[in-house]
Amino acid sequence: MAATPLDSAWEWLITNFSEFQLATVVTFVLHESVFFLSGFPSLLFERFGLFAKYKIQVCSYPSRTPLD
């Protein structure tokens, strides 16, 4: 019975890396994925104007004049 590519990759990982290394990398990747993807809905809401009715500040851009 031939091994699938996923089985081959898993076998290579567990033979070449320690459990600590694998756990560290997987935990880091999982943490960063959750961290960055959790802000994605807010970006979409802002992009499509769904937060506009809750805005409490008028649209103002900083002036180019230096502060003296």
PDB file of N, CA and C in Angstrom:
ATOM      1  N   MET A   1       0.847  -1.182   0.000  1.00  0.00           N
ATOM      2  CA  MET A   1       0.000   0.000   0.000  1.00  0.00           C
ATOM      3  C   MET A   1       0.892   1.245   0.000  1.00  0.00           C
ATOM      4  N   ALA A   2       0.667   2.129  -0.945  1.00  0.00           N
ATOM      5  CA  ALA A   2       1.484   3.336  -1.076  1.00  0.00           C
ATOM      6  C   ALA A   2       1.026   4.407  -0.089  1.00  0.00           C
ATOM      7  N   ALA A   3       1.999   5.101   0.456  1.00  0.00           N
ATOM      8  CA  ALA A   3       1.699   6.171   1.403  1.00  0.00           C
ATOM      9  C   ALA A   3       1.289   7.429   0.648  1.00  0.00           C
ATOM     10  N   THR A   4       0.373   8.164   1.222  1.00  0.00           N
ATOM     11  CA  THR A   4      -0.043   9.421   0.605  1.00  0.00           C
ATOM     12  C   THR A   4       1.055  10.466   0.828  1.00  0.00           C
ATOM     13  N   PRO A   5       1.036  11.531   0.053  1.00  0.00           N
ATOM     14  CA  PRO A   5       2.031  12.587   0.262  1.00  0.00           C
ATOM     15  C   PRO A   5       1.971  13.177   1.673  1.00  0.00           C
ATOM     16  N   LEU A   6       0.786  13.256   2.248  1.00  0.00           N
ATOM     17  CA  LEU A   6       0.653  13.768   3.609  1.00  0.00           C
ATOM     18  C   LEU A   6       1.323  12.832   4.611  1.00  0.00           C
ATOM     19  N   ASP A   7       1.137  11.524   4.422  1.00  0.00           N
ATOM     20  CA  ASP A   7       1.791  10.555   5.299  1.00  0.00           C
ATOM     21  C   ASP A   7       3.310  10.628   5.172  1.00  0.00           C
ATOM     22  N   SER A   8       3.784  10.779   3.961  1.00  0.00           N
ATOM     23  CA  SER A   8       5.230  10.881   3.737  1.00  0.00           C
ATOM     24  C   SER A   8       5.800  12.146   4.382  1.00  0.00           C
ATOM     25  N   ALA A   9       5.078  13.252   4.240  1.00  0.00           N
ATOM     26  CA  ALA A   9       5.533  14.504   4.833  1.00  0.00           C
ATOM     27  C   ALA A   9       5.537  14.414   6.352  1.00  0.00           C
ATOM     28  N   TRP A  10       4.506  13.796   6.925  1.00  0.00           N
ATOM     29  CA  TRP A  10       4.435  13.650   8.378  1.00  0.00           C
ATOM     30  C   TRP A  10       5.573  12.765   8.876  1.00  0.00           C
ATOM     31  N   GLU A  11       5.833  11.693   8.179  1.00  0.00           N
ATOM     32  CA  GLU A  11       6.929  10.792   8.557  1.00  0.00           C
ATOM     33  C   GLU A  11       8.268  11.523   8.517  1.00  0.00           C
ATOM     34  N   TRP A  12       8.482  12.333   7.492  1.00  0.00           N
ATOM     35  CA  TRP A  12       9.720  13.096   7.379  1.00  0.00           C
ATOM     36  C   TRP A  12       9.842  14.088   8.542  1.00  0.00           C
ATOM     37  N   LEU A  13       8.743  14.761   8.883  1.00  0.00           N
ATOM     38  CA  LEU A  13       8.769  15.729   9.975  1.00  0.00           C
ATOM     39  C   LEU A  13       9.114  15.076  11.309  1.00  0.00           C
ATOM     40  N   ILE A  14       8.470  13.950  11.628  1.00  0.00           N
ATOM     41  CA  ILE A  14       8.699  13.357  12.943  1.00  0.00           C
ATOM     42  C   ILE A  14      10.043  12.642  13.043  1.00  0.00           C
ATOM     43  N   THR A  15      10.656  12.319  11.916  1.00  0.00           N
ATOM     44  CA  THR A  15      11.987  11.708  11.978  1.00  0.00           C
ATOM     45  C   THR A  15      13.098  12.757  12.016  1.00  0.00           C
ATOM     46  N   ASN A  16      12.854  13.961  11.508  1.00  0.00           N
ATOM     47  CA  ASN A  16      13.904  14.974  11.426  1.00  0.00           C
ATOM     48  C   ASN A  16      13.814  16.075  12.476  1.00  0.00           C
ATOM     49  N   PHE A  17      12.703  16.172  13.190  1.00  0.00           N
ATOM     50  CA  PHE A  17      12.527  17.220  14.186  1.00  0.00           C
ATOM     51  C   PHE A  17      12.043  16.623  15.495  1.00  0.00           C
ATOM     52  N   SER A  18      12.387  17.294  16.590  1.00  0.00           N
ATOM     53  CA  SER A  18      11.930  16.824  17.907  1.00  0.00           C
ATOM     54  C   SER A  18      10.479  17.254  18.134  1.00  0.00           C
ATOM     55  N   GLU A  19       9.860  16.654  19.128  1.00  0.00           N
ATOM     56  CA  GLU A  19       8.481  17.028  19.462  1.00  0.00           C
ATOM     57  C   GLU A  19       8.410  18.485  19.892  1.00  0.00           C
ATOM     58  N   PHE A  20       9.428  18.936  20.612  1.00  0.00           N
ATOM     59  CA  PHE A  20       9.465  20.331  21.060  1.00  0.00           C
ATOM     60  C   PHE A  20       9.500  21.286  19.867  1.00  0.00           C
ATOM     61  N   GLN A  21      10.336  21.004  18.885  1.00  0.00           N
ATOM     62  CA  GLN A  21      10.428  21.861  17.710  1.00  0.00           C
ATOM     63  C   GLN A  21       9.105  21.905  16.952  1.00  0.00           C
ATOM     64  N   LEU A  22       8.493  20.750  16.766  1.00  0.00           N
ATOM     65  CA  LEU A  22       7.225  20.702  16.042  1.00  0.00           C
ATOM     66  C   LEU A  22       6.130  21.440  16.802  1.00  0.00           C
ATOM     67  N   ALA A  23       6.069  21.230  18.117  1.00  0.00           N
ATOM     68  CA  ALA A  23       5.042  21.897  18.914  1.00  0.00           C
ATOM     69  C   ALA A  23       5.241  23.408  18.907  1.00  0.00           C
ATOM     70  N   THR A  24       6.489  23.851  18.960  1.00  0.00           N
ATOM     71  CA  THR A  24       6.777  25.282  18.964  1.00  0.00           C
ATOM     72  C   THR A  24       6.350  25.926  17.651  1.00  0.00           C
ATOM     73  N   VAL A  25       6.720  25.333  16.549  1.00  0.00           N
ATOM     74  CA  VAL A  25       6.384  25.903  15.241  1.00  0.00           C
ATOM     75  C   VAL A  25       4.878  25.886  15.014  1.00  0.00           C
ATOM     76  N   VAL A  26       4.231  24.777  15.327  1.00  0.00           N
ATOM     77  CA  VAL A  26       2.783  24.684  15.116  1.00  0.00           C
ATOM     78  C   VAL A  26       2.055  25.677  16.008  1.00  0.00           C
ATOM     79  N   THR A  27       2.472  25.807  17.249  1.00  0.00           N
ATOM     80  CA  THR A  27       1.833  26.755  18.156  1.00  0.00           C
ATOM     81  C   THR A  27       2.017  28.186  17.667  1.00  0.00           C
ATOM     82  N   PHE A  28       3.206  28.518  17.203  1.00  0.00           N
ATOM     83  CA  PHE A  28       3.462  29.863  16.699  1.00  0.00           C
ATOM     84  C   PHE A  28       2.599  30.162  15.469  1.00  0.00           C
ATOM     85  N   VAL A  29       2.561  29.240  14.525  1.00  0.00           N
ATOM     86  CA  VAL A  29       1.778  29.445  13.302  1.00  0.00           C
ATOM     87  C   VAL A  29       0.288  29.565  13.648  1.00  0.00           C
ATOM     88  N   LEU A  30      -0.197  28.740  14.539  1.00  0.00           N
ATOM     89  CA  LEU A  30      -1.593  28.803  14.946  1.00  0.00           C
ATOM     90  C   LEU A  30      -1.902  30.144  15.635  1.00  0.00           C
ATOM     91  N   HIS A  31      -1.026  30.568  16.525  1.00  0.00           N
ATOM     92  CA  HIS A  31      -1.231  31.835  17.229  1.00  0.00           C
ATOM     93  C   HIS A  31      -1.260  33.009  16.264  1.00  0.00           C
ATOM     94  N   GLU A  32      -0.298  33.071  15.362  1.00  0.00           N
ATOM     95  CA  GLU A  32      -0.235  34.186  14.422  1.00  0.00           C
ATOM     96  C   GLU A  32      -1.418  34.174  13.466  1.00  0.00           C
ATOM     97  N   SER A  33      -1.852  33.003  13.045  1.00  0.00           N
ATOM     98  CA  SER A  33      -3.015  32.904  12.156  1.00  0.00           C
ATOM     99  C   SER A  33      -4.257  33.447  12.842  1.00  0.00           C
ATOM    100  N   VAL A  34      -4.490  33.033  14.068  1.00  0.00           N
ATOM    101  CA  VAL A  34      -5.662  33.510  14.810  1.00  0.00           C
ATOM    102  C   VAL A  34      -5.550  35.003  15.058  1.00  0.00           C
ATOM    103  N   PHE A  35      -4.367  35.478  15.415  1.00  0.00           N
ATOM    104  CA  PHE A  35      -4.173  36.894  15.717  1.00  0.00           C
ATOM    105  C   PHE A  35      -4.491  37.776  14.510  1.00  0.00           C
ATOM    106  N   PHE A  36      -3.910  37.461  13.358  1.00  0.00           N
ATOM    107  CA  PHE A  36      -4.100  38.307  12.194  1.00  0.00           C
ATOM    108  C   PHE A  36      -5.457  38.106  11.540  1.00  0.00           C
ATOM    109  N   LEU A  37      -5.960  36.894  11.511  1.00  0.00           N
ATOM    110  CA  LEU A  37      -7.255  36.650  10.873  1.00  0.00           C
ATOM    111  C   LEU A  37      -8.419  37.150  11.720  1.00  0.00           C
ATOM    112  N   SER A  38      -8.208  37.348  13.009  1.00  0.00           N
ATOM    113  CA  SER A  38      -9.288  37.870  13.848  1.00  0.00           C
ATOM    114  C   SER A  38      -9.631  39.309  13.499  1.00  0.00           C
ATOM    115  N   GLY A  39      -8.721  40.051  12.933  1.00  0.00           N
ATOM    116  CA  GLY A  39      -8.982  41.428  12.525  1.00  0.00           C
ATOM    117  C   GLY A  39      -9.580  41.546  11.139  1.00  0.00           C
ATOM    118  N   PHE A  40      -9.622  40.465  10.400  1.00  0.00           N
ATOM    119  CA  PHE A  40     -10.117  40.481   9.030  1.00  0.00           C
ATOM    120  C   PHE A  40     -11.581  40.917   8.928  1.00  0.00           C
ATOM    121  N   PRO A  41     -12.490  40.430   9.783  1.00  0.00           N
ATOM    122  CA  PRO A  41     -13.881  40.905   9.698  1.00  0.00           C
ATOM    123  C   PRO A  41     -13.996  42.420   9.892  1.00  0.00           C
ATOM    124  N   SER A  42     -13.208  42.990  10.790  1.00  0.00           N
ATOM    125  CA  SER A  42     -13.246  44.438  10.995  1.00  0.00           C
ATOM    126  C   SER A  42     -12.799  45.185   9.748  1.00  0.00           C
ATOM    127  N   LEU A  43     -11.801  44.674   9.068  1.00  0.00           N
ATOM    128  CA  LEU A  43     -11.357  45.303   7.825  1.00  0.00           C
ATOM    129  C   LEU A  43     -12.450  45.263   6.768  1.00  0.00           C
ATOM    130  N   LEU A  44     -13.155  44.136   6.692  1.00  0.00           N
ATOM    131  CA  LEU A  44     -14.251  44.029   5.726  1.00  0.00           C
ATOM    132  C   LEU A  44     -15.393  44.972   6.079  1.00  0.00           C
ATOM    133  N   PHE A  45     -15.762  45.036   7.362  1.00  0.00           N
ATOM    134  CA  PHE A  45     -16.835  45.934   7.777  1.00  0.00           C
ATOM    135  C   PHE A  45     -16.480  47.383   7.462  1.00  0.00           C
ATOM    136  N   GLU A  46     -15.251  47.761   7.721  1.00  0.00           N
ATOM    137  CA  GLU A  46     -14.811  49.126   7.445  1.00  0.00           C
ATOM    138  C   GLU A  46     -14.811  49.392   5.941  1.00  0.00           C
ATOM    139  N   ARG A  47     -14.341  48.437   5.176  1.00  0.00           N
ATOM    140  CA  ARG A  47     -14.257  48.594   3.720  1.00  0.00           C
ATOM    141  C   ARG A  47     -15.626  48.774   3.085  1.00  0.00           C
ATOM    142  N   PHE A  48     -16.622  48.042   3.563  1.00  0.00           N
ATOM    143  CA  PHE A  48     -17.963  48.104   2.980  1.00  0.00           C
ATOM    144  C   PHE A  48     -18.852  49.145   3.658  1.00  0.00           C
ATOM    145  N   GLY A  49     -18.293  49.937   4.557  1.00  0.00           N
ATOM    146  CA  GLY A  49     -19.019  51.040   5.159  1.00  0.00           C
ATOM    147  C   GLY A  49     -20.021  50.635   6.221  1.00  0.00           C
ATOM    148  N   LEU A  50     -19.889  49.464   6.782  1.00  0.00           N
ATOM    149  CA  LEU A  50     -20.851  49.013   7.781  1.00  0.00           C
ATOM    150  C   LEU A  50     -20.625  49.654   9.151  1.00  0.00           C
ATOM    151  N   PHE A  51     -19.471  50.260   9.366  1.00  0.00           N
ATOM    152  CA  PHE A  51     -19.194  50.948  10.630  1.00  0.00           C
ATOM    153  C   PHE A  51     -19.505  52.446  10.546  1.00  0.00           C
ATOM    154  N   ALA A  52     -19.909  52.927   9.392  1.00  0.00           N
ATOM    155  CA  ALA A  52     -20.076  54.373   9.184  1.00  0.00           C
ATOM    156  C   ALA A  52     -21.098  54.977  10.136  1.00  0.00           C
ATOM    157  N   LYS A  53     -22.165  54.276  10.435  1.00  0.00           N
ATOM    158  CA  LYS A  53     -23.187  54.861  11.305  1.00  0.00           C
ATOM    159  C   LYS A  53     -22.743  54.953  12.757  1.00  0.00           C
ATOM    160  N   TYR A  54     -21.669  54.266  13.119  1.00  0.00           N
ATOM    161  CA  TYR A  54     -21.153  54.315  14.485  1.00  0.00           C
ATOM    162  C   TYR A  54     -19.975  55.269  14.641  1.00  0.00           C
ATOM    163  N   LYS A  55     -19.613  55.942  13.563  1.00  0.00           N
ATOM    164  CA  LYS A  55     -18.463  56.836  13.577  1.00  0.00           C
ATOM    165  C   LYS A  55     -18.765  58.056  14.433  1.00  0.00           C
ATOM    166  N   ILE A  56     -17.854  58.437  15.320  1.00  0.00           N
ATOM    167  CA  ILE A  56     -18.085  59.556  16.226  1.00  0.00           C
ATOM    168  C   ILE A  56     -17.212  60.762  15.896  1.00  0.00           C
ATOM    169  N   GLN A  57     -16.369  60.650  14.890  1.00  0.00           N
ATOM    170  CA  GLN A  57     -15.482  61.750  14.524  1.00  0.00           C
ATOM    171  C   GLN A  57     -15.676  62.071  13.054  1.00  0.00           C
ATOM    172  N   VAL A  58     -15.709  63.369  12.736  1.00  0.00           N
ATOM    173  CA  VAL A  58     -15.828  63.754  11.333  1.00  0.00           C
ATOM    174  C   VAL A  58     -14.543  63.386  10.603  1.00  0.00           C
ATOM    175  N   CYS A  59     -14.665  63.196   9.329  1.00  0.00           N
ATOM    176  CA  CYS A  59     -13.502  62.824   8.524  1.00  0.00           C
ATOM    177  C   CYS A  59     -12.566  64.023   8.424  1.00  0.00           C
ATOM    178  N   SER A  60     -11.392  63.908   9.003  1.00  0.00           N
ATOM    179  CA  SER A  60     -10.422  64.987   8.931  1.00  0.00           C
ATOM    180  C   SER A  60      -9.051  64.399   8.648  1.00  0.00           C
ATOM    181  N   TYR A  61      -8.328  65.112   7.837  1.00  0.00           N
ATOM    182  CA  TYR A  61      -6.986  64.674   7.488  1.00  0.00           C
ATOM    183  C   TYR A  61      -5.979  65.650   8.086  1.00  0.00           C
ATOM    184  N   PRO A  62      -4.843  65.196   8.499  1.00  0.00           N
ATOM    185  CA  PRO A  62      -3.864  66.122   9.078  1.00  0.00           C
ATOM    186  C   PRO A  62      -3.386  67.129   8.036  1.00  0.00           C
ATOM    187  N   SER A  63      -3.212  68.360   8.482  1.00  0.00           N
ATOM    188  CA  SER A  63      -2.750  69.392   7.565  1.00  0.00           C
ATOM    189  C   SER A  63      -1.249  69.231   7.326  1.00  0.00           C
ATOM    190  N   ARG A  64      -0.809  69.829   6.258  1.00  0.00           N
ATOM    191  CA  ARG A  64       0.611  69.736   5.914  1.00  0.00           C
ATOM    192  C   ARG A  64       1.423  70.866   6.539  1.00  0.00           C
ATOM    193  N   THR A  65       0.766  71.762   7.249  1.00  0.00           N
ATOM    194  CA  THR A  65       1.497  72.854   7.865  1.00  0.00           C
ATOM    195  C   THR A  65       2.210  72.345   9.112  1.00  0.00           C
ATOM    196  N   PRO A  66       3.452  72.733   9.303  1.00  0.00           N
ATOM    197  CA  PRO A  66       4.179  72.264  10.482  1.00  0.00           C
ATOM    198  C   PRO A  66       3.661  72.918  11.751  1.00  0.00           C
ATOM    199  N   LEU A  67       3.761  72.215  12.835  1.00  0.00           N
ATOM    200  CA  LEU A  67       3.343  72.755  14.112  1.00  0.00           C
ATOM    201  C   LEU A  67       4.474  73.617  14.673  1.00  0.00           C
ATOM    202  N   ASP A  68       4.158  74.881  14.990  1.00  0.00           N
ATOM    203  CA  ASP A  68       5.178  75.793  15.531  1.00  0.00           C
ATOM    204  C   ASP A  68       4.952  76.026  16.985  1.00  0.00           C
TER     205      ASP A  68
END
